[in-house]
Amino acid sequence: MMNFRRRDIFLKIESLPSYSPLAPVACARHFGCDCMFNPGHESGRVSAQEILASTADGLVYREYLDAQYTIPNKAKLIKADVNEPPWDRRIPGCLLYAKPWERLYIHVWNADTSDCHSFHIHGLRYGIESDGAWPLGVAGRDGGRSDEILPGQK
């Protein structure tokens, strides 16, 4: 018999307003460099117009270290990445790694107040009813979608 080690993971679906991949932190000189030095980029920086044009409201699955969702995981996604934005301004919001014989219990709280979402992951075994990748959802036993996480639902 295999002995699995239980590991609880707490993810919260959160909005990330006014996000630009070119400058995740507004007005931070650290971001917005492109080093092209060609016409339109003489300073080696992305123009404010380009940054504004790439700005949109985003949504992230952010990892928390406690069941009450009060302690966000602020660790860098890649330790050596000097260009990684701060934990609260990055996309993707989190990366999950597992070790052999860990059994993951993933708890998701949809803190988006306006829409339902689903959850699709790679590299783990789980039933089709929990997939979240099918665009129209998967029918549950009650006839509703089995993969939707409603606003406010945990």
C-alpha atoms as a PDB file:
ATOM      1  CA  MET A   1       0.000   0.000   0.000  1.00  0.00           C
ATOM      2  CA  MET A   2       1.277   3.460  -0.883  1.00  0.00           C
ATOM      3  CA  ASN A   3       1.442   6.071   1.840  1.00  0.00           C
ATOM      4  CA  PHE A   4       0.382   9.430   0.529  1.00  0.00           C
ATOM      5  CA  ARG A   5       1.175  12.657   2.326  1.00  0.00           C
ATOM      6  CA  ARG A   6      -1.737  15.098   2.413  1.00  0.00           C
ATOM      7  CA  ARG A   7      -1.026  18.657   1.294  1.00  0.00           C
ATOM      8  CA  ASP A   8      -3.716  21.340   1.355  1.00  0.00           C
ATOM      9  CA  ILE A   9      -3.423  24.166  -1.159  1.00  0.00           C
ATOM     10  CA  PHE A  10      -5.565  27.286  -0.874  1.00  0.00           C
ATOM     11  CA  LEU A  11      -6.203  29.322  -4.022  1.00  0.00           C
ATOM     12  CA  LYS A  12      -8.256  32.486  -4.253  1.00  0.00           C
ATOM     13  CA  ILE A  13      -9.546  33.838  -7.559  1.00  0.00           C
ATOM     14  CA  GLU A  14      -8.814  37.578  -7.411  1.00  0.00           C
ATOM     15  CA  SER A  15      -9.030  40.496  -9.786  1.00  0.00           C
ATOM     16  CA  LEU A  16      -5.870  42.234 -10.936  1.00  0.00           C
ATOM     17  CA  PRO A  17      -7.048  45.652 -12.156  1.00  0.00           C
ATOM     18  CA  SER A  18      -5.175  47.740 -14.737  1.00  0.00           C
ATOM     19  CA  TYR A  19      -2.505  45.131 -15.464  1.00  0.00           C
ATOM     20  CA  SER A  20       0.036  45.576 -18.254  1.00  0.00           C
ATOM     21  CA  PRO A  21       2.613  42.871 -18.973  1.00  0.00           C
ATOM     22  CA  LEU A  22       4.916  45.666 -20.185  1.00  0.00           C
ATOM     23  CA  ALA A  23       4.766  47.509 -16.857  1.00  0.00           C
ATOM     24  CA  PRO A  24       3.045  45.465 -14.138  1.00  0.00           C
ATOM     25  CA  VAL A  25       3.793  48.193 -11.590  1.00  0.00           C
ATOM     26  CA  ALA A  26       2.669  51.614 -12.831  1.00  0.00           C
ATOM     27  CA  CYS A  27       5.366  54.313 -12.957  1.00  0.00           C
ATOM     28  CA  ALA A  28       8.107  51.900 -11.847  1.00  0.00           C
ATOM     29  CA  ARG A  29      11.294  52.628 -13.826  1.00  0.00           C
ATOM     30  CA  HIS A  30      12.335  48.995 -13.385  1.00  0.00           C
ATOM     31  CA  PHE A  31       9.718  47.918 -15.942  1.00  0.00           C
ATOM     32  CA  GLY A  32       8.967  49.168 -19.455  1.00  0.00           C
ATOM     33  CA  CYS A  33      12.470  48.667 -20.886  1.00  0.00           C
ATOM     34  CA  ASP A  34      12.768  47.090 -24.307  1.00  0.00           C
ATOM     35  CA  CYS A  35      16.352  48.070 -25.240  1.00  0.00           C
ATOM     36  CA  MET A  36      15.418  48.313 -28.935  1.00  0.00           C
ATOM     37  CA  PHE A  37      16.760  51.887 -29.472  1.00  0.00           C
ATOM     38  CA  ASN A  38      15.050  52.204 -32.859  1.00  0.00           C
ATOM     39  CA  PRO A  39      12.591  54.833 -34.173  1.00  0.00           C
ATOM     40  CA  GLY A  40       9.891  55.306 -31.568  1.00  0.00           C
ATOM     41  CA  HIS A  41      12.061  53.635 -28.932  1.00  0.00           C
ATOM     42  CA  GLU A  42      15.068  55.967 -28.890  1.00  0.00           C
ATOM     43  CA  SER A  43      15.318  55.802 -25.107  1.00  0.00           C
ATOM     44  CA  GLY A  44      15.220  52.000 -25.019  1.00  0.00           C
ATOM     45  CA  ARG A  45      11.864  52.119 -23.270  1.00  0.00           C
ATOM     46  CA  VAL A  46       8.319  51.202 -24.211  1.00  0.00           C
ATOM     47  CA  SER A  47       6.217  54.323 -24.710  1.00  0.00           C
ATOM     48  CA  ALA A  48       3.459  55.217 -22.273  1.00  0.00           C
ATOM     49  CA  GLN A  49       0.959  54.849 -25.132  1.00  0.00           C
ATOM     50  CA  GLU A  50       2.072  51.251 -25.754  1.00  0.00           C
ATOM     51  CA  ILE A  51       1.851  50.441 -22.053  1.00  0.00           C
ATOM     52  CA  LEU A  52      -1.653  51.922 -21.822  1.00  0.00           C
ATOM     53  CA  ALA A  53      -2.721  50.047 -24.971  1.00  0.00           C
ATOM     54  CA  SER A  54      -1.610  46.745 -23.399  1.00  0.00           C
ATOM     55  CA  THR A  55      -3.429  47.395 -20.117  1.00  0.00           C
ATOM     56  CA  ALA A  56      -6.432  45.282 -19.157  1.00  0.00           C
ATOM     57  CA  ASP A  57      -8.140  44.036 -16.030  1.00  0.00           C
ATOM     58  CA  GLY A  58      -6.857  40.570 -15.218  1.00  0.00           C
ATOM     59  CA  LEU A  59      -7.803  37.662 -13.018  1.00  0.00           C
ATOM     60  CA  VAL A  60      -5.383  35.468 -11.080  1.00  0.00           C
ATOM     61  CA  TYR A  61      -5.474  32.361  -8.944  1.00  0.00           C
ATOM     62  CA  ARG A  62      -3.384  33.478  -5.960  1.00  0.00           C
ATOM     63  CA  GLU A  63      -2.015  30.966  -3.452  1.00  0.00           C
ATOM     64  CA  TYR A  64      -2.574  31.477   0.265  1.00  0.00           C
ATOM     65  CA  LEU A  65      -0.798  29.643   3.061  1.00  0.00           C
ATOM     66  CA  ASP A  66      -3.794  29.329   5.392  1.00  0.00           C
ATOM     67  CA  ALA A  67      -7.387  28.105   5.225  1.00  0.00           C
ATOM     68  CA  GLN A  68      -8.701  31.575   6.103  1.00  0.00           C
ATOM     69  CA  TYR A  69      -7.023  33.123   3.017  1.00  0.00           C
ATOM     70  CA  THR A  70      -5.243  35.792   5.075  1.00  0.00           C
ATOM     71  CA  ILE A  71      -1.567  34.944   4.400  1.00  0.00           C
ATOM     72  CA  PRO A  72      -0.657  35.209   0.695  1.00  0.00           C
ATOM     73  CA  ASN A  73       2.302  33.239  -0.602  1.00  0.00           C
ATOM     74  CA  LYS A  74       4.726  36.063  -1.458  1.00  0.00           C
ATOM     75  CA  ALA A  75       7.557  33.804  -2.645  1.00  0.00           C
ATOM     76  CA  LYS A  76       8.941  34.476  -6.093  1.00  0.00           C
ATOM     77  CA  LEU A  77       7.842  32.084  -8.828  1.00  0.00           C
ATOM     78  CA  ILE A  78      11.429  31.845 -10.089  1.00  0.00           C
ATOM     79  CA  LYS A  79      14.044  32.798  -7.489  1.00  0.00           C
ATOM     80  CA  ALA A  80      16.647  33.941 -10.022  1.00  0.00           C
ATOM     81  CA  ASP A  81      14.258  36.156 -12.033  1.00  0.00           C
ATOM     82  CA  VAL A  82      15.303  39.749 -11.301  1.00  0.00           C
ATOM     83  CA  ASN A  83      12.486  41.093 -13.498  1.00  0.00           C
ATOM     84  CA  GLU A  84       9.638  39.307 -11.754  1.00  0.00           C
ATOM     85  CA  PRO A  85       6.969  41.746 -10.566  1.00  0.00           C
ATOM     86  CA  PRO A  86       5.948  41.815  -6.898  1.00  0.00           C
ATOM     87  CA  TRP A  87       3.675  38.980  -5.760  1.00  0.00           C
ATOM     88  CA  ASP A  88       0.523  41.126  -5.935  1.00  0.00           C
ATOM     89  CA  ARG A  89       1.143  42.388  -9.506  1.00  0.00           C
ATOM     90  CA  ARG A  90       2.165  39.263 -11.407  1.00  0.00           C
ATOM     91  CA  ILE A  91       0.570  36.941 -13.897  1.00  0.00           C
ATOM     92  CA  PRO A  92       0.482  34.010 -13.458  1.00  0.00           C
ATOM     93  CA  GLY A  93      -0.596  34.366  -9.865  1.00  0.00           C
ATOM     94  CA  CYS A  94       0.915  31.080  -8.693  1.00  0.00           C
ATOM     95  CA  LEU A  95       2.614  27.911  -9.838  1.00  0.00           C
ATOM     96  CA  LEU A  96       1.999  24.692  -7.959  1.00  0.00           C
ATOM     97  CA  TYR A  97       4.648  22.027  -7.611  1.00  0.00           C
ATOM     98  CA  ALA A  98       4.138  18.618  -6.034  1.00  0.00           C
ATOM     99  CA  LYS A  99       6.513  15.925  -4.860  1.00  0.00           C
ATOM    100  CA  PRO A 100       6.017  12.195  -5.419  1.00  0.00           C
ATOM    101  CA  TRP A 101       3.487  10.649  -3.053  1.00  0.00           C
ATOM    102  CA  GLU A 102       1.867  13.952  -2.163  1.00  0.00           C
ATOM    103  CA  ARG A 103      -1.902  13.973  -2.376  1.00  0.00           C
ATOM    104  CA  LEU A 104      -3.047  17.511  -3.134  1.00  0.00           C
ATOM    105  CA  TYR A 105      -6.293  18.863  -1.725  1.00  0.00           C
ATOM    106  CA  ILE A 106      -6.882  22.066  -3.660  1.00  0.00           C
ATOM    107  CA  HIS A 107      -9.370  24.487  -2.111  1.00  0.00           C
ATOM    108  CA  VAL A 108     -10.510  27.321  -4.388  1.00  0.00           C
ATOM    109  CA  TRP A 109     -12.398  30.451  -3.320  1.00  0.00           C
ATOM    110  CA  ASN A 110     -13.932  32.503  -6.112  1.00  0.00           C
ATOM    111  CA  ALA A 111     -13.571  36.077  -4.830  1.00  0.00           C
ATOM    112  CA  ASP A 112     -14.666  37.474  -8.210  1.00  0.00           C
ATOM    113  CA  THR A 113     -18.075  38.944  -7.428  1.00  0.00           C
ATOM    114  CA  SER A 114     -19.294  39.084 -11.016  1.00  0.00           C
ATOM    115  CA  ASP A 115     -18.622  35.758 -12.726  1.00  0.00           C
ATOM    116  CA  CYS A 116     -18.189  32.034 -12.273  1.00  0.00           C
ATOM    117  CA  HIS A 117     -14.892  30.370 -13.150  1.00  0.00           C
ATOM    118  CA  SER A 118     -13.496  26.878 -13.503  1.00  0.00           C
ATOM    119  CA  PHE A 119     -10.189  25.244 -12.788  1.00  0.00           C
ATOM    120  CA  HIS A 120      -8.040  23.264 -15.228  1.00  0.00           C
ATOM    121  CA  ILE A 121      -4.644  21.845 -14.332  1.00  0.00           C
ATOM    122  CA  HIS A 122      -2.008  19.653 -15.947  1.00  0.00           C
ATOM    123  CA  GLY A 123       0.029  16.800 -14.551  1.00  0.00           C
ATOM    124  CA  LEU A 124      -2.495  15.512 -12.007  1.00  0.00           C
ATOM    125  CA  ARG A 125      -5.073  12.743 -12.130  1.00  0.00           C
ATOM    126  CA  TYR A 126      -8.667  13.731 -11.501  1.00  0.00           C
ATOM    127  CA  GLY A 127     -12.083  12.915 -12.896  1.00  0.00           C
ATOM    128  CA  ILE A 128     -13.615  14.560 -15.960  1.00  0.00           C
ATOM    129  CA  GLU A 129     -16.291  16.088 -13.715  1.00  0.00           C
ATOM    130  CA  SER A 130     -13.555  18.250 -12.165  1.00  0.00           C
ATOM    131  CA  ASP A 131     -11.730  19.212 -15.350  1.00  0.00           C
ATOM    132  CA  GLY A 132     -12.893  22.759 -16.095  1.00  0.00           C
ATOM    133  CA  ALA A 133     -11.475  22.729 -19.635  1.00  0.00           C
ATOM    134  CA  TRP A 134     -14.648  21.906 -21.542  1.00  0.00           C
ATOM    135  CA  PRO A 135     -16.059  25.248 -22.762  1.00  0.00           C
ATOM    136  CA  LEU A 136     -19.670  24.387 -21.933  1.00  0.00           C
ATOM    137  CA  GLY A 137     -18.842  22.623 -18.699  1.00  0.00           C
ATOM    138  CA  VAL A 138     -19.533  19.071 -17.688  1.00  0.00           C
ATOM    139  CA  ALA A 139     -22.983  18.093 -16.458  1.00  0.00           C
ATOM    140  CA  GLY A 140     -23.160  17.213 -12.786  1.00  0.00           C
ATOM    141  CA  ARG A 141     -25.566  14.723 -11.229  1.00  0.00           C
ATOM    142  CA  ASP A 142     -28.034  17.530 -10.488  1.00  0.00           C
ATOM    143  CA  GLY A 143     -28.030  18.636 -14.142  1.00  0.00           C
ATOM    144  CA  GLY A 144     -25.958  21.791 -13.549  1.00  0.00           C
ATOM    145  CA  ARG A 145     -22.328  22.344 -14.432  1.00  0.00           C
ATOM    146  CA  SER A 146     -19.982  20.323 -12.263  1.00  0.00           C
ATOM    147  CA  ASP A 147     -16.931  22.463 -12.911  1.00  0.00           C
ATOM    148  CA  GLU A 148     -18.148  25.996 -12.225  1.00  0.00           C
ATOM    149  CA  ILE A 149     -17.078  27.896  -9.138  1.00  0.00           C
ATOM    150  CA  LEU A 150     -19.769  30.492  -8.476  1.00  0.00           C
ATOM    151  CA  PRO A 151     -18.984  34.020  -7.212  1.00  0.00           C
ATOM    152  CA  GLY A 152     -18.173  33.845  -3.502  1.00  0.00           C
ATOM    153  CA  GLN A 153     -18.122  30.031  -3.522  1.00  0.00           C
ATOM    154  CA  LYS A 154     -15.394  28.114  -1.676  1.00  0.00           C
END
